[in-house]
Amino acid sequence: MTTSVFQAVKQIGYGAMGLEGYYGASDDTQAVQTLVHAIESGMMIDTADAYGAGHNEDLIKQALAHTDQPAFIATKFGIVFEEDQTGSQLDTGWGFPLTINGTKEYVTRAIDNSLERLGVDSIDLLYAHYLDPNTPLEETIEAMAEAVKAGKVKAIGLSNVTADEILRANAIHPISAVQYEYSLFRREAETDIIPVIKQIGAALVCWSPLGAGFLTGQVQQLDENDFRNNNPKMQGENFTDNLQRLEAIKAIAAEYGITPAQLALAWLVAQGENIIPIPGSRKVARIDENLKALEVKLSPATLRQLDDIAPIGAFKGATLV
């Protein structure tokens, strides 16, 4: 990997958010088994303290107790999920606001709580999940930097930020990774985020690398309680039109003898060593399927073809934070 902090893990990581039932019911026993498999497969495990209000980090702690393999754990802080904590209101466009706290006091408290829930002495990579609109960026980053000096955190990153915020933060402490939505489904990161990431030598960790499951080709309709109903790309005529565009991607996957998901991941991997997708799944078999995308070598002609099918903005519907 280009970024030294990721040298010990594979270029495709594992996103654990889905283990909290956001995409359907999840069983804790199966979740722990899935996490153990991801760890033993050499994948970075991506979580956040707010996933399941701390439950996700606890699942990882349970998984760590079931394996002797070293694990690379990345977690996030900033979304307030405890009743005794306050913060700033942030509208993400997903149909519900988030309360964000980036004060030094909160950052320190959140890190200590994550260390306890995860059962580790140090967090491999810590992200600010969202920046607090009412707290100076400098205060948040300096608090994270102090955690590095104290040995509680090994590297720091940012999530859902602007190019300017990346540069401002990196001037205070090296930013090892930026987490941002990036896939064939949403390529806006190419306009300003990716150039800045390359400039500072960081990695782009891609959340929703399969377009919240859309690029798997398996999403034909959504259950009433599925949070993806809030995504404009999966609503009404946008959804219908986007499914039609997906057919061309599925056809290319068929030519290679791979799944549409593997094609989407292989495309991301082909964008550079500093691009790390983190697909999630509740199933062990799906993890193995995703990792096989690392073996897929797309031809220059195929990459150009995908560029023509899915340029920036091709899939209809507004993009959300």
C-alpha atoms as a PDB file:
ATOM      1  CA  MET A   1       0.000   0.000   0.000  1.00  0.00           C
ATOM      2  CA  THR A   2       1.151   3.551  -0.708  1.00  0.00           C
ATOM      3  CA  THR A   3       0.219   4.792   2.750  1.00  0.00           C
ATOM      4  CA  SER A   4       2.464   3.039   5.261  1.00  0.00           C
ATOM      5  CA  VAL A   5      -0.215   2.716   7.934  1.00  0.00           C
ATOM      6  CA  PHE A   6      -2.065   0.219   5.706  1.00  0.00           C
ATOM      7  CA  GLN A   7       0.879  -1.965   4.692  1.00  0.00           C
ATOM      8  CA  ALA A   8      -0.247  -4.867   6.877  1.00  0.00           C
ATOM      9  CA  VAL A   9      -3.767  -5.143   5.425  1.00  0.00           C
ATOM     10  CA  LYS A  10      -5.308  -6.013   2.089  1.00  0.00           C
ATOM     11  CA  GLN A  11      -6.536  -3.300  -0.245  1.00  0.00           C
ATOM     12  CA  ILE A  12     -10.136  -4.345   0.328  1.00  0.00           C
ATOM     13  CA  GLY A  13     -11.307  -3.839   3.905  1.00  0.00           C
ATOM     14  CA  TYR A  14     -14.439  -4.761   5.817  1.00  0.00           C
ATOM     15  CA  GLY A  15     -17.152  -2.288   6.821  1.00  0.00           C
ATOM     16  CA  ALA A  16     -18.929  -3.474   9.966  1.00  0.00           C
ATOM     17  CA  MET A  17     -21.862  -1.034   9.995  1.00  0.00           C
ATOM     18  CA  GLY A  18     -24.212  -3.534   8.356  1.00  0.00           C
ATOM     19  CA  LEU A  19     -23.942  -5.827  11.371  1.00  0.00           C
ATOM     20  CA  GLU A  20     -26.275  -3.413  13.194  1.00  0.00           C
ATOM     21  CA  GLY A  21     -29.317  -4.247  11.083  1.00  0.00           C
ATOM     22  CA  TYR A  22     -29.286  -1.230   8.766  1.00  0.00           C
ATOM     23  CA  TYR A  23     -29.689  -3.552   5.775  1.00  0.00           C
ATOM     24  CA  GLY A  24     -31.790  -6.185   7.530  1.00  0.00           C
ATOM     25  CA  ALA A  25     -31.763  -8.226  10.721  1.00  0.00           C
ATOM     26  CA  SER A  26     -28.376  -9.354  12.015  1.00  0.00           C
ATOM     27  CA  ASP A  27     -27.519 -12.083  14.503  1.00  0.00           C
ATOM     28  CA  ASP A  28     -24.711 -11.388  16.983  1.00  0.00           C
ATOM     29  CA  THR A  29     -23.274 -14.902  16.838  1.00  0.00           C
ATOM     30  CA  GLN A  30     -23.107 -14.802  13.061  1.00  0.00           C
ATOM     31  CA  ALA A  31     -21.733 -11.241  13.225  1.00  0.00           C
ATOM     32  CA  VAL A  32     -18.827 -12.307  15.428  1.00  0.00           C
ATOM     33  CA  GLN A  33     -18.054 -15.239  13.116  1.00  0.00           C
ATOM     34  CA  THR A  34     -18.059 -12.886  10.138  1.00  0.00           C
ATOM     35  CA  LEU A  35     -15.740 -10.432  11.903  1.00  0.00           C
ATOM     36  CA  VAL A  36     -13.326 -13.219  12.862  1.00  0.00           C
ATOM     37  CA  HIS A  37     -13.199 -14.344   9.238  1.00  0.00           C
ATOM     38  CA  ALA A  38     -12.541 -10.805   8.025  1.00  0.00           C
ATOM     39  CA  ILE A  39      -9.729 -10.364  10.572  1.00  0.00           C
ATOM     40  CA  GLU A  40      -8.142 -13.708   9.679  1.00  0.00           C
ATOM     41  CA  SER A  41      -8.401 -12.773   5.999  1.00  0.00           C
ATOM     42  CA  GLY A  42      -6.169  -9.754   6.636  1.00  0.00           C
ATOM     43  CA  MET A  43      -8.834  -7.096   6.182  1.00  0.00           C
ATOM     44  CA  MET A  44      -9.004  -3.768   7.953  1.00  0.00           C
ATOM     45  CA  ILE A  45     -12.107  -3.655  10.161  1.00  0.00           C
ATOM     46  CA  ASP A  46     -13.973  -0.355   9.910  1.00  0.00           C
ATOM     47  CA  THR A  47     -16.442   0.633  12.612  1.00  0.00           C
ATOM     48  CA  ALA A  48     -17.665   3.670  14.565  1.00  0.00           C
ATOM     49  CA  ASP A  49     -18.693   4.266  18.133  1.00  0.00           C
ATOM     50  CA  ALA A  50     -22.157   5.334  16.965  1.00  0.00           C
ATOM     51  CA  TYR A  51     -22.881   2.088  15.085  1.00  0.00           C
ATOM     52  CA  GLY A  52     -25.405   0.407  17.314  1.00  0.00           C
ATOM     53  CA  ALA A  53     -24.617   2.965  20.047  1.00  0.00           C
ATOM     54  CA  GLY A  54     -21.375   1.181  20.891  1.00  0.00           C
ATOM     55  CA  HIS A  55     -22.642  -2.329  20.140  1.00  0.00           C
ATOM     56  CA  ASN A  56     -20.569  -2.618  16.948  1.00  0.00           C
ATOM     57  CA  GLU A  57     -17.336  -2.003  18.809  1.00  0.00           C
ATOM     58  CA  ASP A  58     -18.389  -4.571  21.405  1.00  0.00           C
ATOM     59  CA  LEU A  59     -18.931  -7.143  18.641  1.00  0.00           C
ATOM     60  CA  ILE A  60     -15.382  -6.511  17.476  1.00  0.00           C
ATOM     61  CA  LYS A  61     -14.109  -7.046  21.018  1.00  0.00           C
ATOM     62  CA  GLN A  62     -15.873 -10.406  21.044  1.00  0.00           C
ATOM     63  CA  ALA A  63     -14.340 -11.292  17.685  1.00  0.00           C
ATOM     64  CA  LEU A  64     -10.849 -10.392  18.882  1.00  0.00           C
ATOM     65  CA  ALA A  65     -11.299 -12.868  21.741  1.00  0.00           C
ATOM     66  CA  HIS A  66     -11.905 -15.637  19.193  1.00  0.00           C
ATOM     67  CA  THR A  67      -8.754 -15.218  17.118  1.00  0.00           C
ATOM     68  CA  ASP A  68      -5.024 -14.973  17.644  1.00  0.00           C
ATOM     69  CA  GLN A  69      -4.536 -13.085  14.381  1.00  0.00           C
ATOM     70  CA  PRO A  70      -3.481  -9.441  14.644  1.00  0.00           C
ATOM     71  CA  ALA A  71      -6.271  -7.053  13.718  1.00  0.00           C
ATOM     72  CA  PHE A  72      -6.285  -3.580  12.190  1.00  0.00           C
ATOM     73  CA  ILE A  73      -9.191  -1.663  13.698  1.00  0.00           C
ATOM     74  CA  ALA A  74     -10.389   1.707  12.444  1.00  0.00           C
ATOM     75  CA  THR A  75     -13.134   3.489  14.352  1.00  0.00           C
ATOM     76  CA  LYS A  76     -14.783   6.908  14.371  1.00  0.00           C
ATOM     77  CA  PHE A  77     -16.133   9.400  16.876  1.00  0.00           C
ATOM     78  CA  GLY A  78     -18.239  12.531  16.670  1.00  0.00           C
ATOM     79  CA  ILE A  79     -21.839  11.368  16.329  1.00  0.00           C
ATOM     80  CA  VAL A  80     -23.444  11.849  19.742  1.00  0.00           C
ATOM     81  CA  PHE A  81     -25.499   8.819  20.724  1.00  0.00           C
ATOM     82  CA  GLU A  82     -25.502   9.061  24.530  1.00  0.00           C
ATOM     83  CA  GLU A  83     -28.355  10.873  26.248  1.00  0.00           C
ATOM     84  CA  ASP A  84     -26.073  12.735  28.658  1.00  0.00           C
ATOM     85  CA  GLN A  85     -24.029  14.325  25.847  1.00  0.00           C
ATOM     86  CA  THR A  86     -24.810  17.346  23.675  1.00  0.00           C
ATOM     87  CA  GLY A  87     -23.515  18.748  20.413  1.00  0.00           C
ATOM     88  CA  SER A  88     -24.331  20.610  17.208  1.00  0.00           C
ATOM     89  CA  GLN A  89     -27.163  19.668  14.867  1.00  0.00           C
ATOM     90  CA  LEU A  90     -26.084  18.604  11.391  1.00  0.00           C
ATOM     91  CA  ASP A  91     -28.479  17.893   8.519  1.00  0.00           C
ATOM     92  CA  THR A  92     -27.072  15.114   6.348  1.00  0.00           C
ATOM     93  CA  GLY A  93     -29.996  14.909   3.946  1.00  0.00           C
ATOM     94  CA  TRP A  94     -30.706  11.297   4.925  1.00  0.00           C
ATOM     95  CA  GLY A  95     -34.062  12.142   6.469  1.00  0.00           C
ATOM     96  CA  PHE A  96     -32.751  12.616   9.983  1.00  0.00           C
ATOM     97  CA  PRO A  97     -30.319  15.077  11.609  1.00  0.00           C
ATOM     98  CA  LEU A  98     -27.203  14.063  13.516  1.00  0.00           C
ATOM     99  CA  THR A  99     -25.815  15.577  16.685  1.00  0.00           C
ATOM    100  CA  ILE A 100     -22.068  16.135  16.319  1.00  0.00           C
ATOM    101  CA  ASN A 101     -19.525  16.989  19.013  1.00  0.00           C
ATOM    102  CA  GLY A 102     -15.894  17.750  18.203  1.00  0.00           C
ATOM    103  CA  THR A 103     -14.809  19.487  21.388  1.00  0.00           C
ATOM    104  CA  LYS A 104     -11.566  18.429  23.043  1.00  0.00           C
ATOM    105  CA  GLU A 105     -13.416  17.114  26.089  1.00  0.00           C
ATOM    106  CA  TYR A 106     -15.762  15.002  23.977  1.00  0.00           C
ATOM    107  CA  VAL A 107     -12.986  13.669  21.721  1.00  0.00           C
ATOM    108  CA  THR A 108     -10.941  12.525  24.720  1.00  0.00           C
ATOM    109  CA  ARG A 109     -13.979  10.896  26.317  1.00  0.00           C
ATOM    110  CA  ALA A 110     -14.992   9.159  23.074  1.00  0.00           C
ATOM    111  CA  ILE A 111     -11.507   7.725  22.518  1.00  0.00           C
ATOM    112  CA  ASP A 112     -11.330   6.304  26.029  1.00  0.00           C
ATOM    113  CA  ASN A 113     -14.779   4.754  25.659  1.00  0.00           C
ATOM    114  CA  SER A 114     -13.889   3.186  22.303  1.00  0.00           C
ATOM    115  CA  LEU A 115     -10.690   1.713  23.728  1.00  0.00           C
ATOM    116  CA  GLU A 116     -12.722   0.117  26.503  1.00  0.00           C
ATOM    117  CA  ARG A 117     -15.463  -1.217  24.230  1.00  0.00           C
ATOM    118  CA  LEU A 118     -12.944  -2.601  21.725  1.00  0.00           C
ATOM    119  CA  GLY A 119     -10.754  -4.033  24.456  1.00  0.00           C
ATOM    120  CA  VAL A 120      -7.546  -2.744  22.870  1.00  0.00           C
ATOM    121  CA  ASP A 121      -4.663  -0.631  24.121  1.00  0.00           C
ATOM    122  CA  SER A 122      -4.464   1.496  20.985  1.00  0.00           C
ATOM    123  CA  ILE A 123      -6.707   2.310  18.015  1.00  0.00           C
ATOM    124  CA  ASP A 124      -4.965   1.721  14.677  1.00  0.00           C
ATOM    125  CA  LEU A 125      -6.855   4.474  12.867  1.00  0.00           C
ATOM    126  CA  LEU A 126      -9.216   7.044  14.359  1.00  0.00           C
ATOM    127  CA  TYR A 127     -11.519   9.181  12.228  1.00  0.00           C
ATOM    128  CA  ALA A 128     -13.557  12.245  13.005  1.00  0.00           C
ATOM    129  CA  HIS A 129     -16.874  10.870  11.701  1.00  0.00           C
ATOM    130  CA  TYR A 130     -18.199  14.357  10.910  1.00  0.00           C
ATOM    131  CA  LEU A 131     -16.722  17.692  11.863  1.00  0.00           C
ATOM    132  CA  ASP A 132     -18.616  19.702  14.439  1.00  0.00           C
ATOM    133  CA  PRO A 133     -19.897  22.862  12.693  1.00  0.00           C
ATOM    134  CA  ASN A 134     -19.669  24.822  15.960  1.00  0.00           C
ATOM    135  CA  THR A 135     -16.210  23.660  17.080  1.00  0.00           C
ATOM    136  CA  PRO A 136     -13.039  24.844  15.345  1.00  0.00           C
ATOM    137  CA  LEU A 137     -11.500  22.095  13.255  1.00  0.00           C
ATOM    138  CA  GLU A 138      -8.193  22.875  14.930  1.00  0.00           C
ATOM    139  CA  GLU A 139      -9.538  21.950  18.378  1.00  0.00           C
ATOM    140  CA  THR A 140     -10.773  18.580  17.158  1.00  0.00           C
ATOM    141  CA  ILE A 141      -7.575  17.674  15.295  1.00  0.00           C
ATOM    142  CA  GLU A 142      -5.345  18.816  18.138  1.00  0.00           C
ATOM    143  CA  ALA A 143      -7.283  16.568  20.524  1.00  0.00           C
ATOM    144  CA  MET A 144      -6.782  13.645  18.136  1.00  0.00           C
ATOM    145  CA  ALA A 145      -3.083  14.480  17.832  1.00  0.00           C
ATOM    146  CA  GLU A 146      -2.752  14.439  21.620  1.00  0.00           C
ATOM    147  CA  ALA A 147      -4.209  10.935  21.621  1.00  0.00           C
ATOM    148  CA  VAL A 148      -1.488   9.880  19.178  1.00  0.00           C
ATOM    149  CA  LYS A 149       1.189  11.323  21.451  1.00  0.00           C
ATOM    150  CA  ALA A 150      -0.356   9.491  24.394  1.00  0.00           C
ATOM    151  CA  GLY A 151      -0.227   6.181  22.518  1.00  0.00           C
ATOM    152  CA  LYS A 152      -3.997   5.761  22.464  1.00  0.00           C
ATOM    153  CA  VAL A 153      -4.183   6.185  18.676  1.00  0.00           C
ATOM    154  CA  LYS A 154      -1.680   5.229  15.968  1.00  0.00           C
ATOM    155  CA  ALA A 155      -2.972   7.290  13.042  1.00  0.00           C
ATOM    156  CA  ILE A 156      -5.771   9.756  12.382  1.00  0.00           C
ATOM    157  CA  GLY A 157      -8.208  10.337   9.574  1.00  0.00           C
ATOM    158  CA  LEU A 158     -11.229  12.367   8.510  1.00  0.00           C
ATOM    159  CA  SER A 159     -14.630  11.361   7.191  1.00  0.00           C
ATOM    160  CA  ASN A 160     -17.175  13.277   5.114  1.00  0.00           C
ATOM    161  CA  VAL A 161     -15.084  16.438   4.761  1.00  0.00           C
ATOM    162  CA  THR A 162     -14.129  18.999   2.123  1.00  0.00           C
ATOM    163  CA  ALA A 163     -10.787  19.343   0.355  1.00  0.00           C
ATOM    164  CA  ASP A 164     -10.054  22.540   2.284  1.00  0.00           C
ATOM    165  CA  GLU A 165     -10.753  20.832   5.610  1.00  0.00           C
ATOM    166  CA  ILE A 166      -8.352  18.027   4.682  1.00  0.00           C
ATOM    167  CA  LEU A 167      -5.557  20.519   4.022  1.00  0.00           C
ATOM    168  CA  ARG A 168      -6.249  22.489   7.205  1.00  0.00           C
ATOM    169  CA  ALA A 169      -6.224  19.322   9.299  1.00  0.00           C
ATOM    170  CA  ASN A 170      -3.089  17.949   7.654  1.00  0.00           C
ATOM    171  CA  ALA A 171      -1.251  21.163   8.530  1.00  0.00           C
ATOM    172  CA  ILE A 172      -1.842  20.320  12.215  1.00  0.00           C
ATOM    173  CA  HIS A 173      -1.166  16.574  12.117  1.00  0.00           C
ATOM    174  CA  PRO A 174      -0.580  14.138   9.221  1.00  0.00           C
ATOM    175  CA  ILE A 175      -3.858  12.740   7.931  1.00  0.00           C
ATOM    176  CA  SER A 176      -3.403   9.084   6.996  1.00  0.00           C
ATOM    177  CA  ALA A 177      -6.829   8.482   5.487  1.00  0.00           C
ATOM    178  CA  VAL A 178      -9.998  10.196   4.390  1.00  0.00           C
ATOM    179  CA  GLN A 179     -13.224   8.226   4.335  1.00  0.00           C
ATOM    180  CA  TYR A 180     -15.666   9.330   1.669  1.00  0.00           C
ATOM    181  CA  GLU A 181     -18.333   7.747  -0.500  1.00  0.00           C
ATOM    182  CA  TYR A 182     -16.762   6.599  -3.757  1.00  0.00           C
ATOM    183  CA  SER A 183     -17.875   4.043  -6.318  1.00  0.00           C
ATOM    184  CA  LEU A 184     -19.092   3.742  -9.884  1.00  0.00           C
ATOM    185  CA  PHE A 185     -22.431   4.822  -8.382  1.00  0.00           C
ATOM    186  CA  ARG A 186     -21.010   8.087  -7.028  1.00  0.00           C
ATOM    187  CA  ARG A 187     -17.717   9.464  -8.394  1.00  0.00           C
ATOM    188  CA  GLU A 188     -17.824  13.079  -7.207  1.00  0.00           C
ATOM    189  CA  ALA A 189     -14.763  12.462  -5.003  1.00  0.00           C
ATOM    190  CA  GLU A 190     -12.660  12.617  -8.167  1.00  0.00           C
ATOM    191  CA  THR A 191     -13.247  16.349  -8.599  1.00  0.00           C
ATOM    192  CA  ASP A 192     -11.541  17.659  -5.454  1.00  0.00           C
ATOM    193  CA  ILE A 193     -11.162  15.059  -2.694  1.00  0.00           C
ATOM    194  CA  ILE A 194      -8.922  12.552  -4.465  1.00  0.00           C
ATOM    195  CA  PRO A 195      -6.473  15.157  -5.843  1.00  0.00           C
ATOM    196  CA  VAL A 196      -5.927  16.560  -2.333  1.00  0.00           C
ATOM    197  CA  ILE A 197      -5.559  13.081  -0.846  1.00  0.00           C
ATOM    198  CA  LYS A 198      -2.863  12.273  -3.385  1.00  0.00           C
ATOM    199  CA  GLN A 199      -1.199  15.599  -2.650  1.00  0.00           C
ATOM    200  CA  ILE A 200      -0.777  14.802   1.046  1.00  0.00           C
ATOM    201  CA  GLY A 201      -0.012  11.102   0.545  1.00  0.00           C
ATOM    202  CA  ALA A 202      -3.111   9.794   2.298  1.00  0.00           C
ATOM    203  CA  ALA A 203      -5.479   6.963   1.404  1.00  0.00           C
ATOM    204  CA  LEU A 204      -9.103   7.216   0.348  1.00  0.00           C
ATOM    205  CA  VAL A 205     -11.176   4.686   2.265  1.00  0.00           C
ATOM    206  CA  CYS A 206     -14.362   4.252   0.263  1.00  0.00           C
ATOM    207  CA  TRP A 207     -17.561   3.851   2.192  1.00  0.00           C
ATOM    208  CA  SER A 208     -20.493   2.444   0.269  1.00  0.00           C
ATOM    209  CA  PRO A 209     -18.178   1.103  -2.475  1.00  0.00           C
ATOM    210  CA  LEU A 210     -21.061  -0.932  -3.866  1.00  0.00           C
ATOM    211  CA  GLY A 211     -23.498   1.982  -3.878  1.00  0.00           C
ATOM    212  CA  ALA A 212     -25.252   0.776  -0.691  1.00  0.00           C
ATOM    213  CA  GLY A 213     -25.672  -2.580  -2.394  1.00  0.00           C
ATOM    214  CA  PHE A 214     -27.045  -1.154  -5.644  1.00  0.00           C
ATOM    215  CA  LEU A 215     -24.005  -2.223  -7.689  1.00  0.00           C
ATOM    216  CA  THR A 216     -24.423  -5.852  -6.626  1.00  0.00           C
ATOM    217  CA  GLY A 217     -27.347  -6.094  -9.020  1.00  0.00           C
ATOM    218  CA  GLN A 218     -29.406  -7.714  -6.268  1.00  0.00           C
ATOM    219  CA  VAL A 219     -31.368  -4.631  -5.186  1.00  0.00           C
ATOM    220  CA  GLN A 220     -34.566  -4.477  -7.202  1.00  0.00           C
ATOM    221  CA  GLN A 221     -36.809  -2.998  -4.507  1.00  0.00           C
ATOM    222  CA  LEU A 222     -36.419  -1.862  -0.910  1.00  0.00           C
ATOM    223  CA  ASP A 223     -38.330  -2.882   2.202  1.00  0.00           C
ATOM    224  CA  GLU A 224     -40.381  -0.157   3.837  1.00  0.00           C
ATOM    225  CA  ASN A 225     -37.994   0.211   6.787  1.00  0.00           C
ATOM    226  CA  ASP A 226     -34.783   0.152   4.721  1.00  0.00           C
ATOM    227  CA  PHE A 227     -32.866   3.396   5.407  1.00  0.00           C
ATOM    228  CA  ARG A 228     -31.794   3.496   1.749  1.00  0.00           C
ATOM    229  CA  ASN A 229     -35.280   4.752   0.909  1.00  0.00           C
ATOM    230  CA  ASN A 230     -33.897   8.154   1.928  1.00  0.00           C
ATOM    231  CA  ASN A 231     -31.342   8.032  -0.901  1.00  0.00           C
ATOM    232  CA  PRO A 232     -32.603  10.040  -3.921  1.00  0.00           C
ATOM    233  CA  LYS A 233     -30.752   7.627  -6.214  1.00  0.00           C
ATOM    234  CA  MET A 234     -33.050   4.865  -4.991  1.00  0.00           C
ATOM    235  CA  GLN A 235     -36.326   6.725  -5.254  1.00  0.00           C
ATOM    236  CA  GLY A 236     -39.011   6.668  -7.960  1.00  0.00           C
ATOM    237  CA  GLU A 237     -37.943   7.235 -11.549  1.00  0.00           C
ATOM    238  CA  ASN A 238     -34.336   7.755 -10.489  1.00  0.00           C
ATOM    239  CA  PHE A 239     -34.244   4.188  -9.191  1.00  0.00           C
ATOM    240  CA  THR A 240     -35.820   2.828 -12.379  1.00  0.00           C
ATOM    241  CA  ASP A 241     -33.433   4.738 -14.651  1.00  0.00           C
ATOM    242  CA  ASN A 242     -30.411   3.766 -12.565  1.00  0.00           C
ATOM    243  CA  LEU A 243     -31.355   0.090 -12.733  1.00  0.00           C
ATOM    244  CA  GLN A 244     -31.371   0.376 -16.520  1.00  0.00           C
ATOM    245  CA  ARG A 245     -27.873   1.905 -16.513  1.00  0.00           C
ATOM    246  CA  LEU A 246     -26.692  -0.889 -14.243  1.00  0.00           C
ATOM    247  CA  GLU A 247     -27.508  -3.444 -16.918  1.00  0.00           C
ATOM    248  CA  ALA A 248     -24.466  -2.341 -18.936  1.00  0.00           C
ATOM    249  CA  ILE A 249     -22.223  -2.876 -15.902  1.00  0.00           C
ATOM    250  CA  LYS A 250     -23.742  -6.298 -15.295  1.00  0.00           C
ATOM    251  CA  ALA A 251     -23.021  -7.212 -18.906  1.00  0.00           C
ATOM    252  CA  ILE A 252     -19.324  -6.400 -18.500  1.00  0.00           C
ATOM    253  CA  ALA A 253     -19.191  -8.467 -15.313  1.00  0.00           C
ATOM    254  CA  ALA A 254     -20.702 -11.393 -17.211  1.00  0.00           C
ATOM    255  CA  GLU A 255     -17.979 -11.072 -19.875  1.00  0.00           C
ATOM    256  CA  TYR A 256     -15.328 -11.422 -17.160  1.00  0.00           C
ATOM    257  CA  GLY A 257     -17.185 -14.267 -15.455  1.00  0.00           C
ATOM    258  CA  ILE A 258     -17.463 -12.317 -12.200  1.00  0.00           C
ATOM    259  CA  THR A 259     -20.271 -10.735 -10.189  1.00  0.00           C
ATOM    260  CA  PRO A 260     -21.232  -7.076 -10.632  1.00  0.00           C
ATOM    261  CA  ALA A 261     -19.983  -6.494  -7.077  1.00  0.00           C
ATOM    262  CA  GLN A 262     -16.576  -7.931  -7.918  1.00  0.00           C
ATOM    263  CA  LEU A 263     -16.418  -5.738 -11.007  1.00  0.00           C
ATOM    264  CA  ALA A 264     -17.272  -2.621  -8.982  1.00  0.00           C
ATOM    265  CA  LEU A 265     -14.592  -3.449  -6.395  1.00  0.00           C
ATOM    266  CA  ALA A 266     -12.008  -4.320  -9.054  1.00  0.00           C
ATOM    267  CA  TRP A 267     -12.671  -0.945 -10.664  1.00  0.00           C
ATOM    268  CA  LEU A 268     -11.981   0.816  -7.364  1.00  0.00           C
ATOM    269  CA  VAL A 269      -8.777  -1.155  -6.784  1.00  0.00           C
ATOM    270  CA  ALA A 270      -7.659  -0.213 -10.300  1.00  0.00           C
ATOM    271  CA  GLN A 271      -7.923   3.483  -9.412  1.00  0.00           C
ATOM    272  CA  GLY A 272      -4.719   3.262  -7.360  1.00  0.00           C
ATOM    273  CA  GLU A 273      -3.029   1.673  -4.360  1.00  0.00           C
ATOM    274  CA  ASN A 274      -4.288   4.457  -2.106  1.00  0.00           C
ATOM    275  CA  ILE A 275      -7.930   3.556  -2.812  1.00  0.00           C
ATOM    276  CA  ILE A 276      -9.326   1.155  -0.193  1.00  0.00           C
ATOM    277  CA  PRO A 277     -12.955   0.031  -0.507  1.00  0.00           C
ATOM    278  CA  ILE A 278     -14.665  -1.282   2.642  1.00  0.00           C
ATOM    279  CA  PRO A 279     -17.703  -3.317   1.581  1.00  0.00           C
ATOM    280  CA  GLY A 280     -19.749  -4.852   4.360  1.00  0.00           C
ATOM    281  CA  SER A 281     -21.608  -8.130   4.611  1.00  0.00           C
ATOM    282  CA  ARG A 282     -23.231 -10.325   7.219  1.00  0.00           C
ATOM    283  CA  LYS A 283     -22.017 -13.469   5.429  1.00  0.00           C
ATOM    284  CA  VAL A 284     -18.582 -15.102   5.425  1.00  0.00           C
ATOM    285  CA  ALA A 285     -19.028 -16.303   1.846  1.00  0.00           C
ATOM    286  CA  ARG A 286     -19.618 -12.733   0.676  1.00  0.00           C
ATOM    287  CA  ILE A 287     -16.345 -11.618   2.241  1.00  0.00           C
ATOM    288  CA  ASP A 288     -14.483 -14.264   0.234  1.00  0.00           C
ATOM    289  CA  GLU A 289     -16.326 -13.157  -2.894  1.00  0.00           C
ATOM    290  CA  ASN A 290     -15.325  -9.547  -2.309  1.00  0.00           C
ATOM    291  CA  LEU A 291     -11.663 -10.426  -1.743  1.00  0.00           C
ATOM    292  CA  LYS A 292     -11.531 -12.294  -5.050  1.00  0.00           C
ATOM    293  CA  ALA A 293     -11.965  -8.895  -6.711  1.00  0.00           C
ATOM    294  CA  LEU A 294      -8.280  -8.324  -5.884  1.00  0.00           C
ATOM    295  CA  GLU A 295      -7.452 -11.029  -8.430  1.00  0.00           C
ATOM    296  CA  VAL A 296      -9.423  -9.360 -11.214  1.00  0.00           C
ATOM    297  CA  LYS A 297      -7.342  -7.343 -13.671  1.00  0.00           C
ATOM    298  CA  LEU A 298      -9.469  -5.052 -15.789  1.00  0.00           C
ATOM    299  CA  SER A 299      -8.125  -4.141 -19.202  1.00  0.00           C
ATOM    300  CA  PRO A 300      -7.579  -0.503 -20.182  1.00  0.00           C
ATOM    301  CA  ALA A 301     -10.407  -0.924 -22.697  1.00  0.00           C
ATOM    302  CA  THR A 302     -12.777  -2.108 -19.948  1.00  0.00           C
ATOM    303  CA  LEU A 303     -11.815   0.784 -17.689  1.00  0.00           C
ATOM    304  CA  ARG A 304     -12.580   3.219 -20.521  1.00  0.00           C
ATOM    305  CA  GLN A 305     -15.869   1.446 -21.141  1.00  0.00           C
ATOM    306  CA  LEU A 306     -16.857   1.825 -17.487  1.00  0.00           C
ATOM    307  CA  ASP A 307     -15.893   5.491 -17.623  1.00  0.00           C
ATOM    308  CA  ASP A 308     -18.311   5.911 -20.517  1.00  0.00           C
ATOM    309  CA  ILE A 309     -21.109   4.031 -18.747  1.00  0.00           C
ATOM    310  CA  ALA A 310     -20.737   5.660 -15.352  1.00  0.00           C
ATOM    311  CA  PRO A 311     -19.084   9.094 -15.502  1.00  0.00           C
ATOM    312  CA  ILE A 312     -19.539  11.562 -12.679  1.00  0.00           C
ATOM    313  CA  GLY A 313     -23.266  12.229 -12.197  1.00  0.00           C
ATOM    314  CA  ALA A 314     -24.446   9.478 -14.545  1.00  0.00           C
ATOM    315  CA  PHE A 315     -26.613   7.786 -11.952  1.00  0.00           C
ATOM    316  CA  LYS A 316     -29.617  10.008 -11.340  1.00  0.00           C
ATOM    317  CA  GLY A 317     -30.444  11.526  -7.962  1.00  0.00           C
ATOM    318  CA  ALA A 318     -28.851  14.039  -5.643  1.00  0.00           C
ATOM    319  CA  THR A 319     -25.798  12.972  -3.663  1.00  0.00           C
ATOM    320  CA  LEU A 320     -25.906  13.113   0.121  1.00  0.00           C
ATOM    321  CA  VAL A 321     -23.258  13.706   2.784  1.00  0.00           C
END
